[in-house]
Amino acid sequence: MTFPINLGGPYEDIIDRLIKKGYAGTKSEAIRQALAFYDRYLEDEEFILVSRATKAMMDDVKSGKTRTYKLDDVLKEEKKKRGLK
């Protein structure tokens, strides 16, 4: 898909600098690289957020704030609730 875009002066300047420094050969390549970088950045941010949440939950478990259950006990309780043997 091809489409014209107008990035504006500051962004055009950034792209021109990237090309002059040899980081990209064309404006399209510079934009593709920027989008790929941003995509990786967002994935890293999501990983960081999940890691923080996991650590917070584990801290709650270790401190006793959150109770844990054995899977076998949970399954037995479910069977009882459903009237299964």
N, C-alpha and C. Protein backbone atom coordinates (compact mmCIF):
# COMPACT_ATOMS: atom_id res chain seq x y z
N MET A 1 0.85 -1.16 0.00
CA MET A 1 0.00 0.00 0.00
C MET A 1 0.90 1.24 0.00
N THR A 2 0.61 2.17 -0.86
CA THR A 2 1.35 3.41 -0.93
C THR A 2 0.42 4.55 -0.57
N PHE A 3 0.92 5.47 0.26
CA PHE A 3 0.10 6.63 0.59
C PHE A 3 1.01 7.80 0.92
N PRO A 4 0.61 8.98 0.48
CA PRO A 4 1.42 10.17 0.78
C PRO A 4 1.16 10.62 2.22
N ILE A 5 2.21 11.05 2.88
CA ILE A 5 2.04 11.58 4.24
C ILE A 5 2.82 12.87 4.37
N ASN A 6 2.32 13.74 5.21
CA ASN A 6 3.00 14.99 5.50
C ASN A 6 3.37 14.96 6.98
N LEU A 7 4.63 14.76 7.28
CA LEU A 7 5.07 14.64 8.66
C LEU A 7 5.31 15.99 9.32
N GLY A 8 5.61 16.97 8.54
CA GLY A 8 5.91 18.27 9.11
C GLY A 8 7.41 18.46 9.28
N GLY A 9 7.81 19.72 9.40
CA GLY A 9 9.22 20.09 9.43
C GLY A 9 10.11 19.34 10.39
N PRO A 10 9.78 19.30 11.68
CA PRO A 10 10.69 18.65 12.63
C PRO A 10 10.93 17.17 12.31
N TYR A 11 9.89 16.48 11.89
CA TYR A 11 10.03 15.06 11.60
C TYR A 11 10.78 14.82 10.29
N GLU A 12 10.53 15.68 9.34
CA GLU A 12 11.30 15.60 8.09
C GLU A 12 12.78 15.82 8.37
N ASP A 13 13.09 16.75 9.27
CA ASP A 13 14.48 17.01 9.64
C ASP A 13 15.12 15.79 10.29
N ILE A 14 14.38 15.12 11.14
CA ILE A 14 14.90 13.91 11.79
C ILE A 14 15.21 12.85 10.74
N ILE A 15 14.28 12.66 9.82
CA ILE A 15 14.48 11.67 8.76
C ILE A 15 15.70 12.02 7.92
N ASP A 16 15.82 13.28 7.57
CA ASP A 16 16.98 13.72 6.77
C ASP A 16 18.29 13.45 7.51
N ARG A 17 18.30 13.70 8.82
CA ARG A 17 19.52 13.42 9.62
C ARG A 17 19.83 11.93 9.65
N LEU A 18 18.80 11.12 9.78
CA LEU A 18 19.02 9.66 9.80
C LEU A 18 19.62 9.19 8.48
N ILE A 19 19.15 9.76 7.40
CA ILE A 19 19.68 9.39 6.08
C ILE A 19 21.11 9.88 5.93
N LYS A 20 21.38 11.12 6.33
CA LYS A 20 22.73 11.68 6.22
C LYS A 20 23.73 10.89 7.06
N LYS A 21 23.30 10.41 8.23
CA LYS A 21 24.20 9.64 9.10
C LYS A 21 24.33 8.19 8.64
N GLY A 22 23.55 7.79 7.67
CA GLY A 22 23.65 6.45 7.13
C GLY A 22 22.82 5.40 7.85
N TYR A 23 21.94 5.82 8.75
CA TYR A 23 21.08 4.86 9.45
C TYR A 23 19.96 4.34 8.56
N ALA A 24 19.61 5.11 7.53
CA ALA A 24 18.58 4.70 6.58
C ALA A 24 18.98 5.22 5.21
N GLY A 25 18.55 4.50 4.19
CA GLY A 25 18.89 4.90 2.84
C GLY A 25 17.86 5.81 2.21
N THR A 26 16.61 5.67 2.64
CA THR A 26 15.52 6.45 2.07
C THR A 26 14.57 6.88 3.19
N LYS A 27 13.69 7.81 2.85
CA LYS A 27 12.68 8.24 3.83
C LYS A 27 11.77 7.07 4.23
N SER A 28 11.41 6.28 3.24
CA SER A 28 10.55 5.12 3.53
C SER A 28 11.23 4.16 4.49
N GLU A 29 12.50 3.91 4.25
CA GLU A 29 13.25 3.00 5.13
C GLU A 29 13.33 3.57 6.54
N ALA A 30 13.55 4.86 6.66
CA ALA A 30 13.62 5.49 7.97
C ALA A 30 12.30 5.35 8.71
N ILE A 31 11.20 5.53 8.01
CA ILE A 31 9.88 5.40 8.64
C ILE A 31 9.62 3.96 9.02
N ARG A 32 9.97 3.01 8.15
CA ARG A 32 9.80 1.58 8.48
C ARG A 32 10.59 1.22 9.74
N GLN A 33 11.84 1.69 9.80
CA GLN A 33 12.67 1.41 10.97
C GLN A 33 12.07 2.01 12.24
N ALA A 34 11.56 3.23 12.11
CA ALA A 34 10.95 3.89 13.27
C ALA A 34 9.73 3.11 13.76
N LEU A 35 8.90 2.66 12.82
CA LEU A 35 7.72 1.89 13.19
C LEU A 35 8.10 0.55 13.84
N ALA A 36 9.11 -0.11 13.29
CA ALA A 36 9.56 -1.38 13.87
C ALA A 36 10.12 -1.15 15.28
N PHE A 37 10.88 -0.08 15.45
CA PHE A 37 11.43 0.25 16.77
C PHE A 37 10.30 0.51 17.76
N TYR A 38 9.31 1.28 17.34
CA TYR A 38 8.18 1.60 18.21
C TYR A 38 7.40 0.34 18.59
N ASP A 39 7.24 -0.56 17.64
CA ASP A 39 6.55 -1.82 17.91
C ASP A 39 7.30 -2.62 18.98
N ARG A 40 8.62 -2.72 18.84
CA ARG A 40 9.43 -3.43 19.85
C ARG A 40 9.34 -2.73 21.20
N TYR A 41 9.35 -1.41 21.18
CA TYR A 41 9.25 -0.62 22.41
C TYR A 41 7.94 -0.94 23.14
N LEU A 42 6.84 -0.97 22.40
CA LEU A 42 5.55 -1.27 23.02
C LEU A 42 5.52 -2.68 23.58
N GLU A 43 6.12 -3.64 22.87
CA GLU A 43 6.18 -5.01 23.39
C GLU A 43 7.00 -5.06 24.68
N ASP A 44 8.11 -4.31 24.71
CA ASP A 44 8.93 -4.26 25.91
C ASP A 44 8.15 -3.63 27.07
N GLU A 45 7.40 -2.57 26.78
CA GLU A 45 6.59 -1.92 27.81
C GLU A 45 5.54 -2.87 28.37
N GLU A 46 4.90 -3.62 27.49
CA GLU A 46 3.90 -4.60 27.93
C GLU A 46 4.56 -5.65 28.82
N PHE A 47 5.74 -6.11 28.43
CA PHE A 47 6.46 -7.11 29.22
C PHE A 47 6.79 -6.54 30.60
N ILE A 48 7.24 -5.30 30.64
CA ILE A 48 7.59 -4.66 31.92
C ILE A 48 6.35 -4.56 32.81
N LEU A 49 5.22 -4.16 32.24
CA LEU A 49 4.00 -4.04 33.03
C LEU A 49 3.55 -5.39 33.57
N VAL A 50 3.61 -6.41 32.74
CA VAL A 50 3.22 -7.76 33.20
C VAL A 50 4.18 -8.23 34.28
N SER A 51 5.47 -7.97 34.10
CA SER A 51 6.46 -8.38 35.10
C SER A 51 6.21 -7.69 36.44
N ARG A 52 5.90 -6.40 36.39
CA ARG A 52 5.61 -5.66 37.63
C ARG A 52 4.38 -6.22 38.32
N ALA A 53 3.34 -6.49 37.54
CA ALA A 53 2.11 -7.03 38.12
C ALA A 53 2.36 -8.40 38.73
N THR A 54 3.13 -9.23 38.04
CA THR A 54 3.45 -10.57 38.54
C THR A 54 4.24 -10.47 39.84
N LYS A 55 5.22 -9.58 39.87
CA LYS A 55 6.01 -9.40 41.09
C LYS A 55 5.13 -8.93 42.24
N ALA A 56 4.22 -8.00 41.98
CA ALA A 56 3.32 -7.51 43.03
C ALA A 56 2.44 -8.64 43.56
N MET A 57 1.94 -9.48 42.65
CA MET A 57 1.11 -10.60 43.09
C MET A 57 1.92 -11.60 43.90
N MET A 58 3.14 -11.88 43.47
CA MET A 58 3.99 -12.82 44.20
C MET A 58 4.36 -12.25 45.57
N ASP A 59 4.59 -10.96 45.65
CA ASP A 59 4.87 -10.33 46.95
C ASP A 59 3.68 -10.49 47.88
N ASP A 60 2.46 -10.35 47.33
CA ASP A 60 1.25 -10.54 48.14
C ASP A 60 1.15 -11.98 48.64
N VAL A 61 1.49 -12.93 47.79
CA VAL A 61 1.46 -14.34 48.19
C VAL A 61 2.48 -14.59 49.28
N LYS A 62 3.70 -14.11 49.09
CA LYS A 62 4.77 -14.33 50.07
C LYS A 62 4.45 -13.70 51.42
N SER A 63 3.79 -12.54 51.40
CA SER A 63 3.47 -11.84 52.65
C SER A 63 2.24 -12.41 53.32
N GLY A 64 1.51 -13.27 52.63
CA GLY A 64 0.30 -13.85 53.19
C GLY A 64 -0.94 -13.02 52.90
N LYS A 65 -0.78 -11.93 52.19
CA LYS A 65 -1.91 -11.06 51.86
C LYS A 65 -2.87 -11.77 50.91
N THR A 66 -2.32 -12.60 50.04
CA THR A 66 -3.13 -13.37 49.10
C THR A 66 -2.94 -14.85 49.40
N ARG A 67 -4.05 -15.56 49.48
CA ARG A 67 -4.00 -16.97 49.79
C ARG A 67 -3.86 -17.78 48.50
N THR A 68 -3.14 -18.88 48.57
CA THR A 68 -3.02 -19.77 47.42
C THR A 68 -3.72 -21.08 47.72
N TYR A 69 -4.06 -21.79 46.67
CA TYR A 69 -4.77 -23.06 46.80
C TYR A 69 -4.09 -24.09 45.94
N LYS A 70 -4.12 -25.35 46.39
CA LYS A 70 -3.61 -26.44 45.57
C LYS A 70 -4.64 -26.76 44.51
N LEU A 71 -4.18 -27.06 43.31
CA LEU A 71 -5.09 -27.35 42.20
C LEU A 71 -6.01 -28.51 42.53
N ASP A 72 -5.48 -29.56 43.14
CA ASP A 72 -6.31 -30.72 43.48
C ASP A 72 -7.46 -30.32 44.41
N ASP A 73 -7.17 -29.45 45.38
CA ASP A 73 -8.21 -29.00 46.31
C ASP A 73 -9.28 -28.18 45.59
N VAL A 74 -8.87 -27.34 44.67
CA VAL A 74 -9.82 -26.52 43.90
C VAL A 74 -10.70 -27.42 43.04
N LEU A 75 -10.10 -28.42 42.39
CA LEU A 75 -10.88 -29.33 41.55
C LEU A 75 -11.86 -30.15 42.38
N LYS A 76 -11.43 -30.61 43.55
CA LYS A 76 -12.33 -31.36 44.43
C LYS A 76 -13.51 -30.50 44.86
N GLU A 77 -13.24 -29.26 45.21
CA GLU A 77 -14.30 -28.35 45.65
C GLU A 77 -15.29 -28.07 44.51
N GLU A 78 -14.78 -27.92 43.31
CA GLU A 78 -15.65 -27.71 42.15
C GLU A 78 -16.55 -28.91 41.92
N LYS A 79 -15.98 -30.10 42.03
CA LYS A 79 -16.78 -31.32 41.84
C LYS A 79 -17.89 -31.39 42.88
N LYS A 80 -17.57 -31.02 44.12
CA LYS A 80 -18.59 -31.02 45.18
C LYS A 80 -19.71 -30.05 44.84
N LYS A 81 -19.34 -28.84 44.38
CA LYS A 81 -20.34 -27.83 44.06
C LYS A 81 -21.26 -28.29 42.93
N ARG A 82 -20.73 -29.06 42.02
CA ARG A 82 -21.51 -29.52 40.86
C ARG A 82 -22.19 -30.86 41.13
N GLY A 83 -21.95 -31.44 42.30
CA GLY A 83 -22.57 -32.71 42.64
C GLY A 83 -21.94 -33.89 41.92
N LEU A 84 -20.69 -33.76 41.54
CA LEU A 84 -19.98 -34.84 40.86
C LEU A 84 -19.13 -35.61 41.87
N LYS A 85 -18.80 -36.83 41.51
CA LYS A 85 -17.94 -37.62 42.42
C LYS A 85 -16.51 -37.50 42.05
